[in-house]
Amino acid sequence: MKEEKVYTVKEVSELLKIREAQVRNLLRQGTIKGFKVGKYWRVTKKEVEKLAQGVKNWLDWHEEEL
């Protein structure tokens, strides 16, 4: 069974180019699904990809407005 890549809040913030505080807020709101290991959040690669695709879709949809 292949294990899925898991990212820290810092890694997610670097990948998505947003602040770490924003990543934590998205996790608390449930926008990104994650899990805690002790007091630290972890996010699967699949969740990061879903969020990145959602942002891309939103930008494509609103391209003319921007």
N, C-alpha and C. Protein backbone atom coordinates (compact mmCIF):
# COMPACT_ATOMS: atom_id res chain seq x y z
N MET A 1 0.85 -1.18 0.00
CA MET A 1 0.00 0.00 0.00
C MET A 1 0.89 1.24 0.00
N LYS A 2 0.65 2.13 -0.96
CA LYS A 2 1.46 3.33 -1.10
C LYS A 2 0.94 4.43 -0.18
N GLU A 3 1.86 5.04 0.57
CA GLU A 3 1.46 6.12 1.47
C GLU A 3 1.40 7.44 0.71
N GLU A 4 0.42 8.26 1.05
CA GLU A 4 0.25 9.56 0.41
C GLU A 4 1.15 10.59 1.08
N LYS A 5 1.68 11.50 0.28
CA LYS A 5 2.52 12.59 0.79
C LYS A 5 1.69 13.47 1.73
N VAL A 6 2.30 13.87 2.83
CA VAL A 6 1.63 14.72 3.81
C VAL A 6 2.49 15.97 4.01
N TYR A 7 1.83 17.14 4.02
CA TYR A 7 2.53 18.42 4.14
C TYR A 7 2.25 19.09 5.48
N THR A 8 3.22 19.88 5.93
CA THR A 8 3.03 20.73 7.10
C THR A 8 2.34 22.02 6.66
N VAL A 9 1.91 22.82 7.62
CA VAL A 9 1.30 24.11 7.31
C VAL A 9 2.28 24.98 6.54
N LYS A 10 3.53 24.98 6.96
CA LYS A 10 4.55 25.78 6.26
C LYS A 10 4.70 25.34 4.81
N GLU A 11 4.75 24.05 4.57
CA GLU A 11 4.88 23.55 3.20
C GLU A 11 3.68 23.92 2.35
N VAL A 12 2.48 23.81 2.92
CA VAL A 12 1.26 24.18 2.19
C VAL A 12 1.30 25.67 1.85
N SER A 13 1.71 26.50 2.80
CA SER A 13 1.77 27.94 2.55
C SER A 13 2.75 28.26 1.44
N GLU A 14 3.87 27.56 1.40
CA GLU A 14 4.85 27.78 0.34
C GLU A 14 4.32 27.31 -1.02
N LEU A 15 3.65 26.17 -1.04
CA LEU A 15 3.10 25.65 -2.29
C LEU A 15 2.02 26.56 -2.87
N LEU A 16 1.14 27.06 -1.99
CA LEU A 16 0.00 27.87 -2.44
C LEU A 16 0.31 29.36 -2.44
N LYS A 17 1.49 29.72 -1.94
CA LYS A 17 1.92 31.12 -1.88
C LYS A 17 0.96 31.99 -1.08
N ILE A 18 0.60 31.45 0.09
CA ILE A 18 -0.22 32.21 1.04
C ILE A 18 0.44 32.10 2.41
N ARG A 19 0.03 32.97 3.32
CA ARG A 19 0.63 32.95 4.66
C ARG A 19 0.22 31.71 5.44
N GLU A 20 1.06 31.32 6.39
CA GLU A 20 0.76 30.17 7.23
C GLU A 20 -0.53 30.38 8.02
N ALA A 21 -0.76 31.60 8.47
CA ALA A 21 -1.99 31.91 9.22
C ALA A 21 -3.22 31.67 8.35
N GLN A 22 -3.13 31.97 7.07
CA GLN A 22 -4.26 31.72 6.17
C GLN A 22 -4.51 30.22 6.02
N VAL A 23 -3.45 29.45 5.95
CA VAL A 23 -3.60 27.99 5.86
C VAL A 23 -4.31 27.48 7.11
N ARG A 24 -3.88 27.94 8.28
CA ARG A 24 -4.52 27.50 9.53
C ARG A 24 -5.99 27.89 9.56
N ASN A 25 -6.31 29.10 9.09
CA ASN A 25 -7.72 29.54 9.05
C ASN A 25 -8.52 28.64 8.12
N LEU A 26 -7.98 28.31 6.96
CA LEU A 26 -8.67 27.43 6.01
C LEU A 26 -8.91 26.05 6.63
N LEU A 27 -7.94 25.57 7.40
CA LEU A 27 -8.09 24.28 8.09
C LEU A 27 -9.20 24.36 9.14
N ARG A 28 -9.19 25.42 9.95
CA ARG A 28 -10.21 25.57 11.00
C ARG A 28 -11.61 25.71 10.40
N GLN A 29 -11.71 26.40 9.26
CA GLN A 29 -13.00 26.60 8.59
C GLN A 29 -13.48 25.34 7.87
N GLY A 30 -12.57 24.41 7.63
CA GLY A 30 -12.92 23.20 6.91
C GLY A 30 -12.79 23.32 5.41
N THR A 31 -12.25 24.46 4.93
CA THR A 31 -12.04 24.65 3.50
C THR A 31 -11.00 23.66 2.98
N ILE A 32 -9.97 23.45 3.79
CA ILE A 32 -8.98 22.41 3.53
C ILE A 32 -9.18 21.36 4.62
N LYS A 33 -9.25 20.11 4.21
CA LYS A 33 -9.35 19.04 5.19
C LYS A 33 -7.94 18.64 5.60
N GLY A 34 -7.72 18.59 6.89
CA GLY A 34 -6.43 18.19 7.41
C GLY A 34 -6.63 17.41 8.70
N PHE A 35 -5.54 17.07 9.33
CA PHE A 35 -5.61 16.37 10.60
C PHE A 35 -4.45 16.83 11.46
N LYS A 36 -4.61 16.64 12.74
CA LYS A 36 -3.58 17.07 13.67
C LYS A 36 -2.74 15.89 14.14
N VAL A 37 -1.45 16.15 14.24
CA VAL A 37 -0.52 15.23 14.85
C VAL A 37 0.01 15.99 16.06
N GLY A 38 -0.50 15.63 17.23
CA GLY A 38 -0.24 16.45 18.41
C GLY A 38 -0.95 17.78 18.23
N LYS A 39 -0.21 18.87 18.28
CA LYS A 39 -0.82 20.19 18.09
C LYS A 39 -0.57 20.74 16.69
N TYR A 40 0.06 19.98 15.82
CA TYR A 40 0.43 20.45 14.49
C TYR A 40 -0.48 19.88 13.41
N TRP A 41 -0.91 20.75 12.50
CA TRP A 41 -1.74 20.36 11.38
C TRP A 41 -0.92 19.66 10.30
N ARG A 42 -1.54 18.71 9.64
CA ARG A 42 -0.97 18.05 8.47
C ARG A 42 -2.05 18.01 7.39
N VAL A 43 -1.62 18.12 6.13
CA VAL A 43 -2.55 18.14 5.00
C VAL A 43 -2.02 17.19 3.94
N THR A 44 -2.89 16.37 3.39
CA THR A 44 -2.47 15.42 2.35
C THR A 44 -2.26 16.14 1.02
N LYS A 45 -1.47 15.54 0.19
CA LYS A 45 -1.20 16.07 -1.16
C LYS A 45 -2.51 16.22 -1.93
N LYS A 46 -3.39 15.25 -1.78
CA LYS A 46 -4.68 15.27 -2.47
C LYS A 46 -5.47 16.53 -2.11
N GLU A 47 -5.48 16.92 -0.84
CA GLU A 47 -6.21 18.11 -0.41
C GLU A 47 -5.58 19.38 -0.95
N VAL A 48 -4.25 19.44 -0.97
CA VAL A 48 -3.56 20.61 -1.52
C VAL A 48 -3.89 20.74 -3.01
N GLU A 49 -3.88 19.63 -3.72
CA GLU A 49 -4.19 19.64 -5.15
C GLU A 49 -5.63 20.08 -5.40
N LYS A 50 -6.56 19.62 -4.55
CA LYS A 50 -7.96 20.02 -4.71
C LYS A 50 -8.12 21.52 -4.51
N LEU A 51 -7.46 22.08 -3.50
CA LEU A 51 -7.55 23.51 -3.25
C LEU A 51 -6.91 24.29 -4.38
N ALA A 52 -5.74 23.86 -4.84
CA ALA A 52 -5.06 24.55 -5.94
C ALA A 52 -5.93 24.52 -7.20
N GLN A 53 -6.58 23.40 -7.48
CA GLN A 53 -7.45 23.31 -8.66
C GLN A 53 -8.65 24.22 -8.50
N GLY A 54 -9.19 24.31 -7.29
CA GLY A 54 -10.32 25.20 -7.04
C GLY A 54 -9.95 26.65 -7.26
N VAL A 55 -8.77 27.04 -6.83
CA VAL A 55 -8.30 28.42 -7.05
C VAL A 55 -8.13 28.67 -8.54
N LYS A 56 -7.55 27.72 -9.25
CA LYS A 56 -7.36 27.87 -10.70
C LYS A 56 -8.71 28.01 -11.39
N ASN A 57 -9.68 27.19 -11.02
CA ASN A 57 -11.01 27.27 -11.62
C ASN A 57 -11.65 28.62 -11.33
N TRP A 58 -11.51 29.11 -10.11
CA TRP A 58 -12.07 30.41 -9.75
C TRP A 58 -11.43 31.51 -10.57
N LEU A 59 -10.09 31.48 -10.71
CA LEU A 59 -9.40 32.50 -11.50
C LEU A 59 -9.83 32.44 -12.96
N ASP A 60 -9.96 31.23 -13.51
CA ASP A 60 -10.42 31.09 -14.90
C ASP A 60 -11.82 31.66 -15.06
N TRP A 61 -12.69 31.39 -14.10
CA TRP A 61 -14.08 31.84 -14.15
C TRP A 61 -14.17 33.36 -14.09
N HIS A 62 -13.29 33.99 -13.27
CA HIS A 62 -13.35 35.44 -13.05
C HIS A 62 -12.31 36.22 -13.83
N GLU A 63 -11.68 35.57 -14.79
CA GLU A 63 -10.59 36.18 -15.54
C GLU A 63 -10.98 37.53 -16.14
N GLU A 64 -12.15 37.61 -16.72
CA GLU A 64 -12.58 38.84 -17.36
C GLU A 64 -12.83 39.95 -16.35
N GLU A 65 -13.23 39.59 -15.14
CA GLU A 65 -13.53 40.59 -14.10
C GLU A 65 -12.27 41.16 -13.49
N LEU A 66 -11.18 40.38 -13.51
CA LEU A 66 -9.93 40.83 -12.88
C LEU A 66 -9.23 41.74 -13.79
